[in-house]
Amino acid sequence: MSKIHEQFIVDQTGKKTAVIIPLKDYRQLMEDLHDLSVVAERRHEPTISLDELKQRLVADGLLQT
């Protein structure tokens, strides 16, 4: 992701109270947060080896050998 170009909204004392970011950056951030939440939810699931994954993909017709 490229650098986010944000703008801040400040109150009368100059304290930052809100931020404005481009919609494209917001959507990317939301997608990243979703991906991280999925990873966190699945962290205790059993894992499989790369070879097992390849075998499953071949069996499902999603990968050719």
Protein backbone atom coordinates (compact mmCIF):
# COMPACT_ATOMS: atom_id res chain seq x y z
CA MET A 1 0.00 0.00 0.00
CA SER A 2 1.28 3.43 -0.82
CA LYS A 3 1.61 6.28 1.65
CA ILE A 4 -1.74 7.52 2.87
CA HIS A 5 -2.31 11.22 2.34
CA GLU A 6 -4.44 12.18 5.28
CA GLN A 7 -5.94 15.48 6.34
CA PHE A 8 -6.83 16.31 9.91
CA ILE A 9 -9.77 18.16 11.39
CA VAL A 10 -8.81 20.15 14.47
CA ASP A 11 -10.82 21.83 17.18
CA GLN A 12 -10.52 25.44 18.30
CA THR A 13 -7.39 24.65 20.32
CA GLY A 14 -5.64 22.92 17.43
CA LYS A 15 -6.16 19.41 18.83
CA LYS A 16 -6.70 16.80 16.12
CA THR A 17 -10.21 15.39 16.42
CA ALA A 18 -10.74 13.52 13.14
CA VAL A 19 -8.96 12.44 10.01
CA ILE A 20 -9.91 12.46 6.34
CA ILE A 21 -8.35 9.90 4.01
CA PRO A 22 -9.06 9.09 0.37
CA LEU A 23 -11.84 6.54 -0.12
CA LYS A 24 -9.46 4.17 -1.91
CA ASP A 25 -7.14 4.13 1.12
CA TYR A 26 -10.09 3.65 3.49
CA ARG A 27 -11.32 0.66 1.51
CA GLN A 28 -7.83 -0.88 1.50
CA LEU A 29 -7.54 -0.39 5.26
CA MET A 30 -10.94 -2.04 5.80
CA GLU A 31 -9.90 -4.98 3.62
CA ASP A 32 -6.64 -5.32 5.54
CA LEU A 33 -8.50 -5.24 8.87
CA HIS A 34 -10.89 -7.92 7.64
CA ASP A 35 -7.98 -10.10 6.51
CA LEU A 36 -6.30 -9.72 9.91
CA SER A 37 -9.51 -10.63 11.73
CA VAL A 38 -9.84 -13.81 9.64
CA VAL A 39 -6.25 -14.75 10.44
CA ALA A 40 -6.88 -14.14 14.15
CA GLU A 41 -10.07 -16.23 14.12
CA ARG A 42 -8.32 -19.14 12.39
CA ARG A 43 -5.00 -19.11 14.26
CA HIS A 44 -5.85 -22.25 16.26
CA GLU A 45 -7.01 -24.31 13.29
CA PRO A 46 -4.84 -27.25 12.32
CA THR A 47 -2.37 -26.66 9.49
CA ILE A 48 -1.53 -28.79 6.47
CA SER A 49 1.70 -29.17 4.55
CA LEU A 50 2.29 -27.61 1.16
CA ASP A 51 2.27 -31.07 -0.40
CA GLU A 52 -1.14 -31.82 1.15
CA LEU A 53 -2.48 -28.51 -0.16
CA LYS A 54 -1.22 -29.30 -3.66
CA GLN A 55 -2.82 -32.75 -3.52
CA ARG A 56 -6.17 -31.25 -2.50
CA LEU A 57 -6.02 -28.65 -5.26
CA VAL A 58 -5.21 -31.32 -7.85
CA ALA A 59 -8.04 -33.51 -6.57
CA ASP A 60 -10.45 -30.57 -6.84
CA GLY A 61 -9.26 -29.82 -10.37
CA LEU A 62 -7.89 -26.43 -9.40
CA LEU A 63 -4.25 -27.28 -10.06
CA GLN A 64 -2.64 -29.29 -12.81
CA THR A 65 0.49 -31.33 -12.24
